[in-house]
Amino acid sequence: MPQVIVCTWGDSEGTLARGVEETLTLGRRLAGGLGVELSLLVLGAMPHDAAAVAGRHGATALDCASDARLSAIEPDALVEALAQICAAHPPRVLLFPQSFDVRVVAPRLAGRIGAPIVMNAVDASVEAGQLSITASAYGGDTRAVYQISGEGPTLLSVSTTAVSAEPAASATSPLIRDVPVSLAGVSERIRLLQQAKAQGPRLEDATIIVSGGRGLGSPEHYALIEQLAEALGGMAGASRPLVDDGWVDAGRQVGLTGHITRPALYVAVGISGASQHLAGCSAAKTIVAINKDPDAAIFQHARYGIVGDCKEILPELIRAAREHRATSRSTTQGKTR
């Protein structure tokens, strides 16, 4: 029987990749609407938390294609393995937590097996036997709804920052199965010479982010962004123009072509609010905007807004944040004595 399958692979730390629980939440909703079972498919080495996560979200099976080449996240090998699996056990819906690698692999797989695919999916449901998929479009500015009929496989790449992970009402004990694939004749057409390695905290994990844009005026003013972020206990980010102009490195970029974040607090300083940037921060619980242009688009998305010159406002916010932090620290120390 066709199933709803969530497909992923492990990360460098031996755990499931980010976004799997959110994708399983969406997959479980579709499986219920279609009256089929939900399973988790892992490519490469089995992450140590896979069984627990699969069971927590109601998956009845945990399948693993453990060929060593799949652990290297080689696109040609991944596409071939998935094509073989889909041919042997055609899924009703195949979901991926969206990432850079998924953006490369999923469309190629869809072309290989002749299946429809929706990228940037943020919601999905079943209506009269048809799939109704909502996806972000135009850099997150709007939503597009796709109605997909037929019984063949449908592929979804899920923008997991727009989905909240919700465990199943009752946990399961998934059946663990090995899925054989043959990759002997597959050779990678692109060779990786050096793997980029991220060091330190990641913007995606930050609960507080302060980002700067061209409204800062000059590169030296970006130091104010870093100081406010430090005073708030958060991380400093930037819009794409600052990265393009060489003010900061690409690791700080928030937006459609940068990091997709979901912090509790996002402070946008001197950022106009273009759709490409909002795609990376619109999932924040609270957005605070600082801009001297009262008509800047960012104010339409912010809960709080300050109209004024950010170079005058930032030093006052830094001072207030540092004073509050110092007061909180002394109060805590006093209680522990």
Protein backbone atom coordinates (compact mmCIF):
# COMPACT_ATOMS: atom_id res chain seq x y z
CA MET A 1 0.00 0.00 0.00
CA PRO A 2 1.36 3.47 -0.89
CA GLN A 3 2.48 5.44 2.13
CA VAL A 4 3.29 8.99 3.11
CA ILE A 5 7.07 8.96 3.51
CA VAL A 6 9.29 11.59 5.10
CA CYS A 7 12.81 11.31 3.71
CA THR A 8 15.95 12.67 5.33
CA TRP A 9 19.52 11.86 6.28
CA GLY A 10 21.74 12.42 9.28
CA ASP A 11 23.90 15.41 10.10
CA SER A 12 27.57 15.59 11.01
CA GLU A 13 26.78 14.90 14.67
CA GLY A 14 24.95 11.63 13.99
CA THR A 15 21.48 12.99 14.63
CA LEU A 16 18.59 13.61 12.27
CA ALA A 17 18.82 16.70 10.10
CA ARG A 18 16.95 19.84 11.14
CA GLY A 19 13.27 20.07 10.33
CA VAL A 20 12.43 16.36 10.41
CA GLU A 21 9.94 16.64 13.27
CA GLU A 22 8.11 19.51 11.57
CA THR A 23 7.99 17.53 8.32
CA LEU A 24 6.72 14.44 10.15
CA THR A 25 3.96 16.59 11.66
CA LEU A 26 2.82 17.64 8.20
CA GLY A 27 3.24 14.11 6.86
CA ARG A 28 1.10 12.65 9.64
CA ARG A 29 -1.67 15.09 8.75
CA LEU A 30 -1.58 13.97 5.12
CA ALA A 31 -1.42 10.28 6.04
CA GLY A 32 -4.54 10.68 8.17
CA GLY A 33 -6.40 12.46 5.40
CA LEU A 34 -5.42 9.83 2.83
CA GLY A 35 -6.02 6.88 5.14
CA VAL A 36 -2.48 5.51 4.73
CA GLU A 37 0.47 4.90 7.03
CA LEU A 38 3.35 7.27 7.78
CA SER A 39 6.98 6.16 7.61
CA LEU A 40 10.40 7.75 7.97
CA LEU A 41 13.10 6.98 5.40
CA VAL A 42 16.74 7.64 6.29
CA LEU A 43 19.47 7.64 3.66
CA GLY A 44 22.94 6.70 4.89
CA ALA A 45 23.93 5.77 8.43
CA MET A 46 21.04 5.53 10.88
CA PRO A 47 21.07 8.53 13.28
CA HIS A 48 20.87 7.50 16.92
CA ASP A 49 17.68 9.49 17.53
CA ALA A 50 15.79 8.28 14.45
CA ALA A 51 13.67 5.58 16.11
CA ALA A 52 12.64 7.83 19.00
CA VAL A 53 11.68 10.69 16.68
CA ALA A 54 9.79 8.41 14.29
CA GLY A 55 7.84 6.82 17.15
CA ARG A 56 7.07 10.15 18.80
CA HIS A 57 5.42 11.35 15.60
CA GLY A 58 3.38 8.23 14.89
CA ALA A 59 5.44 6.62 12.12
CA THR A 60 4.75 2.89 11.75
CA ALA A 61 8.03 2.14 9.97
CA LEU A 62 11.60 3.40 9.97
CA ASP A 63 13.39 2.47 6.76
CA CYS A 64 17.11 2.90 6.20
CA ALA A 65 19.09 2.73 2.97
CA SER A 66 22.47 2.35 4.63
CA ASP A 67 24.79 2.32 1.61
CA ALA A 68 28.00 4.12 2.68
CA ARG A 69 27.88 6.46 -0.34
CA LEU A 70 24.61 7.95 0.87
CA SER A 71 26.23 9.20 4.06
CA ALA A 72 28.44 11.46 1.94
CA ILE A 73 25.35 13.31 0.63
CA GLU A 74 26.36 12.90 -3.00
CA PRO A 75 23.49 14.20 -5.21
CA ASP A 76 23.78 11.65 -8.04
CA ALA A 77 23.84 8.76 -5.57
CA LEU A 78 20.91 10.18 -3.59
CA VAL A 79 18.77 10.66 -6.70
CA GLU A 80 19.52 7.14 -7.95
CA ALA A 81 18.80 5.57 -4.54
CA LEU A 82 15.50 7.41 -4.18
CA ALA A 83 14.47 6.54 -7.73
CA GLN A 84 15.06 2.86 -6.99
CA ILE A 85 13.12 3.04 -3.74
CA CYS A 86 10.19 4.85 -5.39
CA ALA A 87 10.12 2.24 -8.17
CA ALA A 88 10.08 -0.66 -5.70
CA HIS A 89 7.65 0.93 -3.23
CA PRO A 90 5.83 3.89 -4.86
CA PRO A 91 4.87 6.42 -2.17
CA ARG A 92 1.66 8.39 -2.25
CA VAL A 93 3.49 11.46 -0.95
CA LEU A 94 7.22 11.91 -0.38
CA LEU A 95 8.19 14.82 1.86
CA PHE A 96 11.60 16.37 2.54
CA PRO A 97 12.57 18.98 5.16
CA GLN A 98 13.84 21.72 2.87
CA SER A 99 17.57 22.39 2.89
CA PHE A 100 20.27 23.26 0.37
CA ASP A 101 20.83 19.57 -0.43
CA VAL A 102 17.11 18.92 -0.80
CA ARG A 103 16.83 21.83 -3.25
CA VAL A 104 19.37 20.00 -5.40
CA VAL A 105 18.06 16.45 -5.02
CA ALA A 106 14.25 16.68 -4.88
CA PRO A 107 13.61 18.43 -8.24
CA ARG A 108 15.97 16.01 -9.99
CA LEU A 109 14.16 13.06 -8.43
CA ALA A 110 10.80 14.47 -9.53
CA GLY A 111 12.09 14.74 -13.10
CA ARG A 112 13.52 11.23 -12.98
CA ILE A 113 10.27 9.55 -11.86
CA GLY A 114 7.89 11.95 -13.61
CA ALA A 115 6.22 13.19 -10.43
CA PRO A 116 4.84 16.63 -9.54
CA ILE A 117 6.82 18.56 -6.94
CA VAL A 118 6.04 21.60 -4.79
CA MET A 119 8.94 23.48 -3.20
CA ASN A 120 8.66 25.88 -0.23
CA ALA A 121 5.57 24.06 1.10
CA VAL A 122 4.23 25.58 4.33
CA ASP A 123 0.98 23.62 4.73
CA ALA A 124 -0.83 20.64 3.23
CA SER A 125 -4.20 18.95 3.56
CA VAL A 126 -6.46 16.47 1.80
CA GLU A 127 -9.67 17.78 0.24
CA ALA A 128 -12.05 15.37 -1.49
CA GLY A 129 -9.21 12.95 -2.09
CA GLN A 130 -6.96 15.61 -3.62
CA LEU A 131 -3.84 17.10 -2.14
CA SER A 132 -4.05 20.81 -1.38
CA ILE A 133 -0.56 22.25 -0.95
CA THR A 134 0.16 25.78 0.23
CA ALA A 135 3.59 27.14 -0.62
CA SER A 136 5.34 30.45 -0.13
CA ALA A 137 5.99 32.37 -3.32
CA TYR A 138 7.74 35.54 -4.48
CA GLY A 139 10.27 35.40 -1.66
CA GLY A 140 7.60 34.80 1.00
CA ASP A 141 5.46 37.78 0.01
CA THR A 142 2.46 35.66 -0.89
CA ARG A 143 1.05 32.13 -0.79
CA ALA A 144 0.22 29.84 -3.70
CA VAL A 145 -2.19 26.91 -3.35
CA TYR A 146 -1.74 23.86 -5.57
CA GLN A 147 -4.43 21.22 -6.06
CA ILE A 148 -2.88 17.88 -7.05
CA SER A 149 -4.99 14.94 -8.14
CA GLY A 150 -4.11 11.40 -9.13
CA GLU A 151 -2.70 8.43 -7.25
CA GLY A 152 0.92 8.77 -8.32
CA PRO A 153 3.74 10.02 -6.12
CA THR A 154 3.78 13.71 -5.20
CA LEU A 155 6.96 15.31 -3.81
CA LEU A 156 6.94 18.12 -1.25
CA SER A 157 9.90 20.14 -0.03
CA VAL A 158 8.75 21.60 3.28
CA SER A 159 9.81 25.02 4.54
CA THR A 160 9.99 23.83 8.13
CA THR A 161 10.30 27.27 9.76
CA ALA A 162 6.62 27.76 8.90
CA VAL A 163 5.51 24.51 10.57
CA SER A 164 5.35 23.73 14.29
CA ALA A 165 6.40 20.26 15.41
CA GLU A 166 3.55 18.47 17.19
CA PRO A 167 4.00 14.91 18.49
CA ALA A 168 1.30 12.34 17.76
CA ALA A 169 -1.47 11.75 20.30
CA SER A 170 0.03 8.32 20.95
CA ALA A 171 3.55 7.15 20.23
CA THR A 172 4.37 4.10 18.12
CA SER A 173 7.12 1.51 18.01
CA PRO A 174 8.14 1.71 14.35
CA LEU A 175 9.24 -1.39 12.49
CA ILE A 176 12.89 -0.90 11.50
CA ARG A 177 13.69 -2.17 8.03
CA ASP A 178 16.75 -2.13 5.77
CA VAL A 179 16.10 -0.90 2.23
CA PRO A 180 18.56 -2.27 -0.36
CA VAL A 181 19.79 -0.03 -3.18
CA SER A 182 22.41 -0.62 -5.88
CA LEU A 183 24.78 2.28 -6.56
CA ALA A 184 27.65 0.42 -8.19
CA GLY A 185 27.16 2.11 -11.55
CA VAL A 186 26.67 5.64 -10.24
CA SER A 187 29.47 8.19 -10.54
CA GLU A 188 29.23 11.76 -9.29
CA ARG A 189 29.45 14.35 -12.04
CA ILE A 190 30.51 17.09 -9.61
CA ARG A 191 33.47 16.51 -7.32
CA LEU A 192 33.70 18.29 -3.97
CA LEU A 193 37.22 19.58 -3.39
CA GLN A 194 36.74 21.00 0.08
CA GLN A 195 33.80 20.79 2.45
CA ALA A 196 32.80 24.10 4.05
CA LYS A 197 32.67 23.82 7.83
CA ALA A 198 30.60 26.13 9.98
CA GLN A 199 32.05 27.06 13.36
CA GLY A 200 30.35 28.50 16.41
CA PRO A 201 26.62 29.18 16.93
CA ARG A 202 24.27 29.18 13.95
CA LEU A 203 21.79 31.89 13.06
CA GLU A 204 19.10 29.24 12.58
CA ASP A 205 19.41 28.31 16.27
CA ALA A 206 19.40 31.87 17.67
CA THR A 207 16.43 33.01 19.76
CA ILE A 208 17.39 36.67 19.33
CA ILE A 209 18.79 38.18 16.13
CA VAL A 210 19.74 41.79 15.39
CA SER A 211 20.24 42.39 11.67
CA GLY A 212 21.58 45.44 9.86
CA GLY A 213 20.96 46.76 6.37
CA ARG A 214 22.19 49.55 4.12
CA GLY A 215 20.45 52.08 6.34
CA LEU A 216 23.51 51.83 8.61
CA GLY A 217 25.30 54.02 6.08
CA SER A 218 28.83 52.63 6.29
CA PRO A 219 30.62 49.41 7.31
CA GLU A 220 31.95 50.76 10.61
CA HIS A 221 28.40 51.24 11.89
CA TYR A 222 27.80 47.49 11.72
CA ALA A 223 29.67 47.32 15.02
CA LEU A 224 26.52 48.81 16.60
CA ILE A 225 24.55 45.79 15.37
CA GLU A 226 27.06 43.44 16.98
CA GLN A 227 27.02 45.40 20.24
CA LEU A 228 23.22 45.37 20.49
CA ALA A 229 23.11 41.68 19.67
CA GLU A 230 25.67 40.97 22.40
CA ALA A 231 23.80 43.13 24.91
CA LEU A 232 20.57 41.26 24.20
CA GLY A 233 22.26 37.86 24.35
CA GLY A 234 21.64 37.19 20.67
CA MET A 235 23.44 37.01 17.33
CA ALA A 236 24.16 39.59 14.64
CA GLY A 237 22.74 39.15 11.15
CA ALA A 238 22.66 41.17 7.95
CA SER A 239 20.70 41.73 4.78
CA ARG A 240 22.11 40.57 1.45
CA PRO A 241 23.35 44.01 0.29
CA LEU A 242 25.79 44.12 3.22
CA VAL A 243 27.15 40.71 2.23
CA ASP A 244 27.36 41.69 -1.44
CA ASP A 245 29.24 44.87 -0.52
CA GLY A 246 31.69 42.95 1.65
CA TRP A 247 30.68 44.46 5.02
CA VAL A 248 30.14 41.01 6.57
CA ASP A 249 30.61 37.40 5.48
CA ALA A 250 27.84 35.27 4.00
CA GLY A 251 27.40 33.39 7.27
CA ARG A 252 25.55 36.43 8.65
CA GLN A 253 23.06 36.74 5.79
CA VAL A 254 19.36 36.39 6.58
CA GLY A 255 16.98 35.90 3.68
CA LEU A 256 15.87 33.74 0.81
CA THR A 257 19.44 33.13 -0.37
CA GLY A 258 20.88 33.17 3.16
CA HIS A 259 19.69 31.74 6.47
CA ILE A 260 16.01 31.03 7.14
CA THR A 261 15.52 31.88 10.82
CA ARG A 262 12.77 31.54 13.42
CA PRO A 263 13.85 33.54 16.47
CA ALA A 264 11.69 34.75 19.33
CA LEU A 265 12.90 38.31 18.63
CA TYR A 266 14.15 39.76 15.35
CA VAL A 267 15.40 43.36 15.27
CA ALA A 268 15.69 44.75 11.73
CA VAL A 269 17.86 47.87 11.62
CA GLY A 270 18.07 49.96 8.47
CA ILE A 271 16.41 47.19 6.45
CA SER A 272 13.72 48.18 3.96
CA GLY A 273 11.77 44.93 4.14
CA ALA A 274 12.20 43.41 0.68
CA SER A 275 10.46 40.07 0.21
CA GLN A 276 13.78 38.25 -0.20
CA HIS A 277 14.88 39.32 3.28
CA LEU A 278 11.50 38.70 4.89
CA ALA A 279 11.61 35.12 3.65
CA GLY A 280 14.38 34.59 6.19
CA CYS A 281 12.80 36.27 9.21
CA SER A 282 9.00 36.36 8.77
CA ALA A 283 8.60 33.32 11.06
CA ALA A 284 9.99 35.31 14.03
CA LYS A 285 7.57 35.59 16.94
CA THR A 286 8.27 39.31 17.28
CA ILE A 287 9.82 41.67 14.73
CA VAL A 288 11.07 45.10 15.76
CA ALA A 289 11.91 47.52 12.93
CA ILE A 290 14.12 50.61 13.08
CA ASN A 291 14.12 52.75 9.94
CA LYS A 292 14.12 56.45 9.17
CA ASP A 293 11.62 55.93 6.33
CA PRO A 294 8.10 55.75 7.84
CA ASP A 295 6.85 54.10 4.64
CA ALA A 296 9.42 51.29 4.65
CA ALA A 297 7.80 47.92 3.92
CA ILE A 298 9.37 46.37 7.03
CA PHE A 299 6.89 48.25 9.24
CA GLN A 300 4.03 46.28 7.70
CA HIS A 301 5.49 43.11 9.20
CA ALA A 302 6.79 44.48 12.51
CA ARG A 303 4.97 44.35 15.82
CA TYR A 304 6.97 47.33 17.06
CA GLY A 305 8.52 50.08 14.96
CA ILE A 306 10.83 53.01 15.60
CA VAL A 307 11.06 55.74 12.98
CA GLY A 308 14.38 57.54 13.16
CA ASP A 309 18.09 57.48 12.40
CA CYS A 310 19.36 54.08 13.51
CA LYS A 311 22.83 55.51 14.22
CA GLU A 312 21.27 57.70 16.91
CA ILE A 313 18.84 55.08 18.22
CA LEU A 314 21.21 52.10 18.47
CA PRO A 315 23.59 53.58 21.10
CA GLU A 316 20.59 54.27 23.38
CA LEU A 317 19.23 50.75 22.91
CA ILE A 318 22.66 49.28 23.62
CA ARG A 319 22.98 51.33 26.80
CA ALA A 320 19.48 50.34 27.98
CA ALA A 321 20.05 46.65 27.19
CA ARG A 322 23.36 46.60 29.04
CA GLU A 323 21.87 48.33 32.07
CA HIS A 324 18.96 45.89 32.14
CA ARG A 325 21.32 42.95 31.85
CA ALA A 326 23.52 44.26 34.66
CA THR A 327 20.49 44.86 36.90
CA SER A 328 19.13 41.38 36.21
CA ARG A 329 22.51 39.83 36.96
CA SER A 330 22.91 41.67 40.30
CA THR A 331 19.33 40.78 41.30
CA THR A 332 19.96 37.11 40.56
CA GLN A 333 23.22 37.15 42.53
CA GLY A 334 21.44 38.78 45.47
CA LYS A 335 18.81 36.03 45.56
CA THR A 336 21.43 33.28 45.59
CA ARG A 337 23.32 34.65 48.59
